[in-house]
Amino acid sequence: MSKFKNKEEVLIDLKDRFQEIIEAEVGSSIKDTRLAVLMTDVEKVFEIPFMAGRRLDAFKEKHPEVFEFYQHISLTRS
């Protein structure tokens, strides 16, 4: 068994982390900070392009579940 996770497993872990953040009994500024860090981690792991354009469009088409999750995190922030 490999100690390295594939991207599907990492996405599951990131979604679990999102749920933990949402359920945490902390103030909104702490949640927003934790969500921002989570967004950065998603960007790094899945190499989400920074700027709109063809690369981002191609990413959305190839990885719709990742991009929808990323947007969901963003919309959850205050």
C-alpha atoms as a PDB file:
ATOM      1  CA  MET A   1       0.000   0.000   0.000  1.00  0.00           C
ATOM      2  CA  SER A   2       1.400   3.377  -1.022  1.00  0.00           C
ATOM      3  CA  LYS A   3       1.891   6.087   1.564  1.00  0.00           C
ATOM      4  CA  PHE A   4       1.134   8.686  -1.116  1.00  0.00           C
ATOM      5  CA  LYS A   5      -2.456   9.605  -1.815  1.00  0.00           C
ATOM      6  CA  ASN A   6      -3.925  10.086  -5.236  1.00  0.00           C
ATOM      7  CA  LYS A   7      -5.767  13.309  -6.000  1.00  0.00           C
ATOM      8  CA  GLU A   8      -9.187  11.748  -5.428  1.00  0.00           C
ATOM      9  CA  GLU A   9      -8.152  10.777  -1.899  1.00  0.00           C
ATOM     10  CA  VAL A  10      -6.710  14.232  -1.315  1.00  0.00           C
ATOM     11  CA  LEU A  11      -9.977  15.814  -2.476  1.00  0.00           C
ATOM     12  CA  ILE A  12     -11.876  13.685   0.046  1.00  0.00           C
ATOM     13  CA  ASP A  13      -9.495  14.836   2.789  1.00  0.00           C
ATOM     14  CA  LEU A  14      -9.932  18.467   1.766  1.00  0.00           C
ATOM     15  CA  LYS A  15     -13.722  18.099   1.801  1.00  0.00           C
ATOM     16  CA  ASP A  16     -13.503  16.570   5.282  1.00  0.00           C
ATOM     17  CA  ARG A  17     -11.382  19.525   6.367  1.00  0.00           C
ATOM     18  CA  PHE A  18     -13.976  21.910   4.933  1.00  0.00           C
ATOM     19  CA  GLN A  19     -16.697  20.205   6.959  1.00  0.00           C
ATOM     20  CA  GLU A  20     -14.594  20.445  10.128  1.00  0.00           C
ATOM     21  CA  ILE A  21     -14.109  24.173   9.553  1.00  0.00           C
ATOM     22  CA  ILE A  22     -17.822  24.746   8.998  1.00  0.00           C
ATOM     23  CA  GLU A  23     -18.779  22.798  12.110  1.00  0.00           C
ATOM     24  CA  ALA A  24     -16.146  24.399  14.356  1.00  0.00           C
ATOM     25  CA  GLU A  25     -17.486  26.582  17.127  1.00  0.00           C
ATOM     26  CA  VAL A  26     -15.219  29.547  16.450  1.00  0.00           C
ATOM     27  CA  GLY A  27     -15.766  33.104  15.292  1.00  0.00           C
ATOM     28  CA  SER A  28     -16.393  33.997  11.672  1.00  0.00           C
ATOM     29  CA  SER A  29     -12.998  35.655  11.226  1.00  0.00           C
ATOM     30  CA  ILE A  30     -11.228  32.453  12.286  1.00  0.00           C
ATOM     31  CA  LYS A  31     -13.432  30.411   9.948  1.00  0.00           C
ATOM     32  CA  ASP A  32     -12.711  32.820   7.088  1.00  0.00           C
ATOM     33  CA  THR A  33      -8.976  32.539   7.707  1.00  0.00           C
ATOM     34  CA  ARG A  34      -9.135  28.751   7.808  1.00  0.00           C
ATOM     35  CA  LEU A  35     -11.249  28.704   4.636  1.00  0.00           C
ATOM     36  CA  ALA A  36      -8.730  30.983   2.896  1.00  0.00           C
ATOM     37  CA  VAL A  37      -5.916  28.592   3.825  1.00  0.00           C
ATOM     38  CA  LEU A  38      -8.015  25.681   2.562  1.00  0.00           C
ATOM     39  CA  MET A  39      -8.559  27.490  -0.749  1.00  0.00           C
ATOM     40  CA  THR A  40      -4.806  28.009  -1.072  1.00  0.00           C
ATOM     41  CA  ASP A  41      -4.228  24.310  -0.419  1.00  0.00           C
ATOM     42  CA  VAL A  42      -6.768  23.358  -3.098  1.00  0.00           C
ATOM     43  CA  GLU A  43      -5.056  25.755  -5.536  1.00  0.00           C
ATOM     44  CA  LYS A  44      -1.661  24.184  -4.856  1.00  0.00           C
ATOM     45  CA  VAL A  45      -2.694  20.524  -4.892  1.00  0.00           C
ATOM     46  CA  PHE A  46      -4.769  20.774  -8.053  1.00  0.00           C
ATOM     47  CA  GLU A  47      -2.729  23.553  -9.711  1.00  0.00           C
ATOM     48  CA  ILE A  48      -5.741  25.788 -10.323  1.00  0.00           C
ATOM     49  CA  PRO A  49      -4.736  28.562 -12.755  1.00  0.00           C
ATOM     50  CA  PHE A  50      -4.730  32.029 -11.172  1.00  0.00           C
ATOM     51  CA  MET A  51      -6.175  34.051 -13.999  1.00  0.00           C
ATOM     52  CA  ALA A  52      -9.306  33.633 -16.065  1.00  0.00           C
ATOM     53  CA  GLY A  53      -8.772  32.528 -19.615  1.00  0.00           C
ATOM     54  CA  ARG A  54      -8.218  29.396 -21.634  1.00  0.00           C
ATOM     55  CA  ARG A  55      -6.169  27.626 -18.974  1.00  0.00           C
ATOM     56  CA  LEU A  56      -8.839  28.189 -16.338  1.00  0.00           C
ATOM     57  CA  ASP A  57     -11.604  27.166 -18.752  1.00  0.00           C
ATOM     58  CA  ALA A  58      -9.691  23.983 -19.577  1.00  0.00           C
ATOM     59  CA  PHE A  59      -9.220  23.272 -15.870  1.00  0.00           C
ATOM     60  CA  LYS A  60     -12.956  23.721 -15.187  1.00  0.00           C
ATOM     61  CA  GLU A  61     -13.792  21.324 -18.007  1.00  0.00           C
ATOM     62  CA  LYS A  62     -11.255  18.697 -16.962  1.00  0.00           C
ATOM     63  CA  HIS A  63     -11.856  18.938 -13.186  1.00  0.00           C
ATOM     64  CA  PRO A  64     -15.440  20.135 -12.616  1.00  0.00           C
ATOM     65  CA  GLU A  65     -15.759  18.572  -9.154  1.00  0.00           C
ATOM     66  CA  VAL A  66     -12.593  20.287  -7.925  1.00  0.00           C
ATOM     67  CA  PHE A  67     -13.599  23.655  -9.331  1.00  0.00           C
ATOM     68  CA  GLU A  68     -17.134  23.419  -7.910  1.00  0.00           C
ATOM     69  CA  PHE A  69     -15.676  22.586  -4.492  1.00  0.00           C
ATOM     70  CA  TYR A  70     -13.263  25.521  -4.774  1.00  0.00           C
ATOM     71  CA  GLN A  71     -16.125  27.877  -5.625  1.00  0.00           C
ATOM     72  CA  HIS A  72     -18.204  26.477  -2.772  1.00  0.00           C
ATOM     73  CA  ILE A  73     -15.401  27.269  -0.323  1.00  0.00           C
ATOM     74  CA  SER A  74     -15.147  30.773  -1.724  1.00  0.00           C
ATOM     75  CA  LEU A  75     -18.890  31.416  -1.450  1.00  0.00           C
ATOM     76  CA  THR A  76     -18.921  30.113   2.125  1.00  0.00           C
ATOM     77  CA  ARG A  77     -16.500  32.785   3.282  1.00  0.00           C
ATOM     78  CA  SER A  78     -18.058  35.873   4.880  1.00  0.00           C
END
